[in-house]
Amino acid sequence: MLDIGWQEVLIILVIALVVIGPKDLPKVVRTVGQWTGKARSYARDFQRTIEGYADESEISAIQKELAEANKELKEARQDLQSESKKFDEDMAAVNEDMNTSSPGSAEDNNDTQKNNNSHNSTADPSEIKDSKQGDDK
């Protein structure tokens, strides 16, 4: 913008007083002031318009980002729901398999494991070695 100090304004007024004369100087100063006010008003309106467009473009960009993020969230939610359904189906199938298998065989397997564990825990390690060596003979 124009950078005019008080000294420059004073010099311009003295020159205008000499050129225009004291009689017409107030009219000229008033007219110049009105033009300056109009120019500032136009500049302010132009600046506000540009800022408005910038704000609108920023808002539209933010709206686009939010819409994209919302779309991604919906896709993730759908994926999560489908995986949850698959997991539930798999768990139901496993439960069904466990219920349809013969109940006696599962209990027999548990009893066998318990017997093996109790036998190993009460046996003396030297007896186990002796029995293994006896089996090798």
C-alpha atoms as a PDB file:
ATOM      1  CA  MET A   1       0.000   0.000   0.000  1.00  0.00           C
ATOM      2  CA  LEU A   2       1.085   3.606  -0.277  1.00  0.00           C
ATOM      3  CA  ASP A   3       3.327   4.589   2.570  1.00  0.00           C
ATOM      4  CA  ILE A   4       2.832   8.345   2.939  1.00  0.00           C
ATOM      5  CA  GLY A   5       3.915  10.034   6.179  1.00  0.00           C
ATOM      6  CA  TRP A   6       2.777  13.337   7.674  1.00  0.00           C
ATOM      7  CA  GLN A   7       5.627  15.272   6.094  1.00  0.00           C
ATOM      8  CA  GLU A   8       4.641  14.152   2.600  1.00  0.00           C
ATOM      9  CA  VAL A   9       0.977  15.018   3.238  1.00  0.00           C
ATOM     10  CA  LEU A  10       1.984  18.496   4.481  1.00  0.00           C
ATOM     11  CA  ILE A  11       4.098  19.103   1.373  1.00  0.00           C
ATOM     12  CA  ILE A  12       1.229  17.977  -0.907  1.00  0.00           C
ATOM     13  CA  LEU A  13      -1.225  20.319   0.920  1.00  0.00           C
ATOM     14  CA  VAL A  14       1.148  23.307   0.588  1.00  0.00           C
ATOM     15  CA  ILE A  15       1.574  22.630  -3.144  1.00  0.00           C
ATOM     16  CA  ALA A  16      -2.208  22.175  -3.558  1.00  0.00           C
ATOM     17  CA  LEU A  17      -2.823  25.464  -1.694  1.00  0.00           C
ATOM     18  CA  VAL A  18      -0.513  27.276  -4.072  1.00  0.00           C
ATOM     19  CA  VAL A  19      -1.848  25.589  -7.240  1.00  0.00           C
ATOM     20  CA  ILE A  20      -5.571  25.399  -6.453  1.00  0.00           C
ATOM     21  CA  GLY A  21      -5.944  28.393  -4.221  1.00  0.00           C
ATOM     22  CA  PRO A  22      -7.481  28.871  -0.808  1.00  0.00           C
ATOM     23  CA  LYS A  23     -11.036  29.251  -2.160  1.00  0.00           C
ATOM     24  CA  ASP A  24     -11.366  25.827  -3.890  1.00  0.00           C
ATOM     25  CA  LEU A  25      -9.012  23.857  -1.622  1.00  0.00           C
ATOM     26  CA  PRO A  26     -11.712  22.627   0.860  1.00  0.00           C
ATOM     27  CA  LYS A  27     -13.869  21.276  -2.012  1.00  0.00           C
ATOM     28  CA  VAL A  28     -10.902  19.452  -3.548  1.00  0.00           C
ATOM     29  CA  VAL A  29      -9.828  17.975  -0.190  1.00  0.00           C
ATOM     30  CA  ARG A  30     -13.419  16.790   0.457  1.00  0.00           C
ATOM     31  CA  THR A  31     -13.627  15.183  -3.010  1.00  0.00           C
ATOM     32  CA  VAL A  32     -10.248  13.484  -2.596  1.00  0.00           C
ATOM     33  CA  GLY A  33     -11.347  12.206   0.841  1.00  0.00           C
ATOM     34  CA  GLN A  34     -14.544  10.755  -0.662  1.00  0.00           C
ATOM     35  CA  TRP A  35     -12.589   9.025  -3.421  1.00  0.00           C
ATOM     36  CA  THR A  36     -10.140   7.658  -0.887  1.00  0.00           C
ATOM     37  CA  GLY A  37     -13.035   6.361   1.237  1.00  0.00           C
ATOM     38  CA  LYS A  38     -14.629   4.709  -1.797  1.00  0.00           C
ATOM     39  CA  ALA A  39     -11.300   3.122  -2.790  1.00  0.00           C
ATOM     40  CA  ARG A  40     -10.815   1.783   0.734  1.00  0.00           C
ATOM     41  CA  SER A  41     -14.398   0.473   0.752  1.00  0.00           C
ATOM     42  CA  TYR A  42     -13.866  -1.326  -2.552  1.00  0.00           C
ATOM     43  CA  ALA A  43     -10.567  -2.776  -1.320  1.00  0.00           C
ATOM     44  CA  ARG A  44     -12.224  -3.944   1.922  1.00  0.00           C
ATOM     45  CA  ASP A  45     -15.121  -5.546  -0.003  1.00  0.00           C
ATOM     46  CA  PHE A  46     -12.690  -7.243  -2.379  1.00  0.00           C
ATOM     47  CA  GLN A  47     -10.638  -8.546   0.549  1.00  0.00           C
ATOM     48  CA  ARG A  48     -13.759  -9.867   2.302  1.00  0.00           C
ATOM     49  CA  THR A  49     -14.905 -11.571  -0.906  1.00  0.00           C
ATOM     50  CA  ILE A  50     -11.529 -13.252  -1.362  1.00  0.00           C
ATOM     51  CA  GLU A  51     -11.508 -14.338   2.297  1.00  0.00           C
ATOM     52  CA  GLY A  52     -15.059 -15.659   1.874  1.00  0.00           C
ATOM     53  CA  TYR A  53     -14.021 -17.763  -1.110  1.00  0.00           C
ATOM     54  CA  ALA A  54     -11.011 -19.019   0.817  1.00  0.00           C
ATOM     55  CA  ASP A  55     -13.225 -19.946   3.756  1.00  0.00           C
ATOM     56  CA  GLU A  56     -15.681 -21.703   1.449  1.00  0.00           C
ATOM     57  CA  SER A  57     -12.896 -23.659  -0.212  1.00  0.00           C
ATOM     58  CA  GLU A  58     -11.490 -24.610   3.195  1.00  0.00           C
ATOM     59  CA  ILE A  59     -14.946 -25.632   4.390  1.00  0.00           C
ATOM     60  CA  SER A  60     -15.570 -27.687   1.275  1.00  0.00           C
ATOM     61  CA  ALA A  61     -12.157 -29.329   1.647  1.00  0.00           C
ATOM     62  CA  ILE A  62     -12.934 -30.160   5.280  1.00  0.00           C
ATOM     63  CA  GLN A  63     -16.349 -31.496   4.261  1.00  0.00           C
ATOM     64  CA  LYS A  64     -14.701 -33.718   1.648  1.00  0.00           C
ATOM     65  CA  GLU A  65     -12.217 -35.025   4.220  1.00  0.00           C
ATOM     66  CA  LEU A  66     -15.023 -35.728   6.685  1.00  0.00           C
ATOM     67  CA  ALA A  67     -17.057 -37.543   4.029  1.00  0.00           C
ATOM     68  CA  GLU A  68     -14.035 -39.662   3.107  1.00  0.00           C
ATOM     69  CA  ALA A  69     -13.317 -40.484   6.748  1.00  0.00           C
ATOM     70  CA  ASN A  70     -16.986 -41.356   7.297  1.00  0.00           C
ATOM     71  CA  LYS A  71     -16.887 -43.671   4.269  1.00  0.00           C
ATOM     72  CA  GLU A  72     -13.761 -45.402   5.596  1.00  0.00           C
ATOM     73  CA  LEU A  73     -15.391 -45.828   9.006  1.00  0.00           C
ATOM     74  CA  LYS A  74     -18.471 -47.395   7.441  1.00  0.00           C
ATOM     75  CA  GLU A  75     -16.298 -49.814   5.453  1.00  0.00           C
ATOM     76  CA  ALA A  76     -14.337 -50.726   8.586  1.00  0.00           C
ATOM     77  CA  ARG A  77     -17.571 -51.255  10.523  1.00  0.00           C
ATOM     78  CA  GLN A  78     -18.914 -53.542   7.770  1.00  0.00           C
ATOM     79  CA  ASP A  79     -15.656 -55.521   7.721  1.00  0.00           C
ATOM     80  CA  LEU A  80     -15.737 -55.848  11.490  1.00  0.00           C
ATOM     81  CA  GLN A  81     -19.349 -57.022  11.434  1.00  0.00           C
ATOM     82  CA  SER A  82     -18.650 -59.607   8.737  1.00  0.00           C
ATOM     83  CA  GLU A  83     -15.603 -60.901  10.630  1.00  0.00           C
ATOM     84  CA  SER A  84     -17.687 -61.038  13.806  1.00  0.00           C
ATOM     85  CA  LYS A  85     -20.345 -63.090  12.022  1.00  0.00           C
ATOM     86  CA  LYS A  86     -17.698 -65.474  10.681  1.00  0.00           C
ATOM     87  CA  PHE A  87     -16.233 -65.846  14.162  1.00  0.00           C
ATOM     88  CA  ASP A  88     -19.664 -66.550  15.653  1.00  0.00           C
ATOM     89  CA  GLU A  89     -20.345 -69.147  12.957  1.00  0.00           C
ATOM     90  CA  ASP A  90     -16.981 -70.817  13.578  1.00  0.00           C
ATOM     91  CA  MET A  91     -17.576 -70.895  17.322  1.00  0.00           C
ATOM     92  CA  ALA A  92     -21.054 -72.371  16.791  1.00  0.00           C
ATOM     93  CA  ALA A  93     -19.547 -75.045  14.537  1.00  0.00           C
ATOM     94  CA  VAL A  94     -16.905 -75.900  17.137  1.00  0.00           C
ATOM     95  CA  ASN A  95     -19.532 -76.108  19.873  1.00  0.00           C
ATOM     96  CA  GLU A  96     -21.681 -78.295  17.649  1.00  0.00           C
ATOM     97  CA  ASP A  97     -18.726 -80.572  16.911  1.00  0.00           C
ATOM     98  CA  MET A  98     -17.993 -80.883  20.602  1.00  0.00           C
ATOM     99  CA  ASN A  99     -21.623 -81.672  21.394  1.00  0.00           C
ATOM    100  CA  THR A 100     -22.022 -84.209  18.560  1.00  0.00           C
ATOM    101  CA  SER A 101     -18.830 -86.122  19.352  1.00  0.00           C
ATOM    102  CA  SER A 102     -19.359 -89.084  21.675  1.00  0.00           C
ATOM    103  CA  PRO A 103     -19.339 -87.843  25.249  1.00  0.00           C
ATOM    104  CA  GLY A 104     -17.666 -91.022  26.513  1.00  0.00           C
ATOM    105  CA  SER A 105     -14.606 -90.663  24.324  1.00  0.00           C
ATOM    106  CA  ALA A 106     -13.923 -87.155  25.565  1.00  0.00           C
ATOM    107  CA  GLU A 107     -14.235 -88.327  29.166  1.00  0.00           C
ATOM    108  CA  ASP A 108     -12.010 -91.337  28.460  1.00  0.00           C
ATOM    109  CA  ASN A 109      -9.348 -89.028  27.019  1.00  0.00           C
ATOM    110  CA  ASN A 110      -9.526 -86.817  30.098  1.00  0.00           C
ATOM    111  CA  ASP A 111      -9.286 -89.873  32.428  1.00  0.00           C
ATOM    112  CA  THR A 112      -6.301 -91.204  30.493  1.00  0.00           C
ATOM    113  CA  GLN A 113      -4.500 -87.888  30.778  1.00  0.00           C
ATOM    114  CA  LYS A 114      -5.230 -87.713  34.496  1.00  0.00           C
ATOM    115  CA  ASN A 115      -3.911 -91.263  35.020  1.00  0.00           C
ATOM    116  CA  ASN A 116      -0.757 -90.489  33.088  1.00  0.00           C
ATOM    117  CA  ASN A 117      -0.157 -87.342  35.091  1.00  0.00           C
ATOM    118  CA  SER A 118      -0.773 -89.056  38.441  1.00  0.00           C
ATOM    119  CA  HIS A 119       1.443 -92.013  37.485  1.00  0.00           C
ATOM    120  CA  ASN A 120       4.296 -89.732  36.437  1.00  0.00           C
ATOM    121  CA  SER A 121       4.052 -87.529  39.499  1.00  0.00           C
ATOM    122  CA  THR A 122       4.117 -90.426  42.036  1.00  0.00           C
ATOM    123  CA  ALA A 123       6.777 -92.525  40.332  1.00  0.00           C
ATOM    124  CA  ASP A 124      10.348 -92.320  41.381  1.00  0.00           C
ATOM    125  CA  PRO A 125      12.608 -91.125  38.535  1.00  0.00           C
ATOM    126  CA  SER A 126      14.961 -94.079  39.053  1.00  0.00           C
ATOM    127  CA  GLU A 127      12.046 -96.505  38.626  1.00  0.00           C
ATOM    128  CA  ILE A 128      11.169 -94.862  35.329  1.00  0.00           C
ATOM    129  CA  LYS A 129      14.743 -95.267  34.116  1.00  0.00           C
ATOM    130  CA  ASP A 130      14.763 -98.923  35.241  1.00  0.00           C
ATOM    131  CA  SER A 131      11.525 -99.654  33.470  1.00  0.00           C
ATOM    132  CA  LYS A 132      12.808 -98.055  30.286  1.00  0.00           C
ATOM    133  CA  GLN A 133      15.987-100.080  30.448  1.00  0.00           C
ATOM    134  CA  GLY A 134      13.980-103.232  31.061  1.00  0.00           C
ATOM    135  CA  ASP A 135      11.921-102.477  27.977  1.00  0.00           C
ATOM    136  CA  ASP A 136      15.050-102.134  25.894  1.00  0.00           C
ATOM    137  CA  LYS A 137      16.276-105.649  26.856  1.00  0.00           C
END
